[in-house]
Amino acid sequence: MTTHTYVTKGTCAKVIVADIDDKTGVVNSITFTGGCQGNLSALSKMLAGKTKGNTCGNKNTSCMDQLAQMLESI
């Protein structure tokens, strides 16, 4: 398990921390510091247990997966 910390730029949420299983890529937990706590706590619950490689239809990726990849490259 690896804990990833991302300091955001230009948003109300200041920090995103995600615990991701190194072998499976499954997001075990994700938390936001700052931002709208109602929306962000709901988002955290929705993401728990999900893999990073989200697909769409018959494609190997999705718009949200591309967003995640973009954020990882920053």
Protein backbone atom coordinates (compact mmCIF):
# COMPACT_ATOMS: atom_id res chain seq x y z
CA MET A 1 0.00 0.00 0.00
CA THR A 2 1.29 3.41 -0.94
CA THR A 3 -0.03 6.72 0.36
CA HIS A 4 -0.02 9.44 -2.30
CA THR A 5 -0.33 13.10 -1.31
CA TYR A 6 -1.23 15.71 -3.92
CA VAL A 7 -1.21 19.43 -3.13
CA THR A 8 -3.88 21.01 -5.32
CA LYS A 9 -3.64 24.33 -7.13
CA GLY A 10 -6.54 26.74 -7.59
CA THR A 11 -9.23 24.77 -5.73
CA CYS A 12 -10.92 24.93 -2.34
CA ALA A 13 -9.61 21.47 -1.49
CA LYS A 14 -5.96 22.04 -0.63
CA VAL A 15 -4.63 18.47 -0.33
CA ILE A 16 -5.78 15.06 -1.62
CA VAL A 17 -4.41 11.93 0.06
CA ALA A 18 -5.03 8.49 -1.48
CA ASP A 19 -4.04 5.05 -0.20
CA ILE A 20 -3.58 2.80 -3.24
CA ASP A 21 -2.79 -0.93 -3.25
CA ASP A 22 0.53 -1.33 -5.07
CA LYS A 23 -0.37 -4.71 -6.59
CA THR A 24 -3.96 -4.17 -7.69
CA GLY A 25 -4.17 -0.39 -8.14
CA VAL A 26 -7.32 -0.35 -5.99
CA VAL A 27 -8.01 2.90 -4.15
CA ASN A 28 -8.50 1.87 -0.52
CA SER A 29 -9.23 5.36 0.75
CA ILE A 30 -9.11 8.94 -0.40
CA THR A 31 -9.44 12.10 1.68
CA PHE A 32 -9.61 15.78 0.87
CA THR A 33 -8.44 18.66 3.07
CA GLY A 34 -10.54 21.76 2.52
CA GLY A 35 -13.24 22.08 -0.10
CA CYS A 36 -16.94 21.29 0.22
CA GLN A 37 -16.96 18.50 2.80
CA GLY A 38 -20.42 17.20 1.83
CA ASN A 39 -19.48 16.64 -1.81
CA LEU A 40 -15.94 15.47 -1.09
CA SER A 41 -16.94 12.94 1.57
CA ALA A 42 -19.50 11.47 -0.86
CA LEU A 43 -16.83 11.33 -3.59
CA SER A 44 -14.40 9.62 -1.19
CA LYS A 45 -16.98 6.92 -0.45
CA MET A 46 -17.67 6.39 -4.15
CA LEU A 47 -13.97 6.00 -4.99
CA ALA A 48 -13.06 3.54 -2.22
CA GLY A 49 -12.40 0.12 -3.73
CA LYS A 50 -12.15 1.38 -7.30
CA THR A 51 -9.19 0.80 -9.58
CA LYS A 52 -7.38 3.63 -11.31
CA GLY A 53 -7.81 2.12 -14.80
CA ASN A 54 -11.49 2.97 -15.37
CA THR A 55 -12.83 2.07 -18.83
CA CYS A 56 -15.70 3.37 -20.96
CA GLY A 57 -17.56 1.09 -23.38
CA ASN A 58 -15.05 -0.89 -25.44
CA LYS A 59 -12.25 1.63 -24.85
CA ASN A 60 -9.28 0.92 -22.58
CA THR A 61 -9.71 4.24 -20.78
CA SER A 62 -12.33 6.88 -19.97
CA CYS A 63 -12.53 10.64 -19.62
CA MET A 64 -12.16 10.34 -15.84
CA ASP A 65 -9.24 7.91 -16.23
CA GLN A 66 -7.56 10.42 -18.53
CA LEU A 67 -8.15 13.14 -15.95
CA ALA A 68 -6.52 10.95 -13.29
CA GLN A 69 -3.55 10.29 -15.56
CA MET A 70 -3.20 14.00 -16.27
CA LEU A 71 -3.22 14.82 -12.56
CA GLU A 72 -0.64 12.12 -11.87
CA SER A 73 1.70 13.64 -14.46
CA ILE A 74 1.64 17.10 -12.88
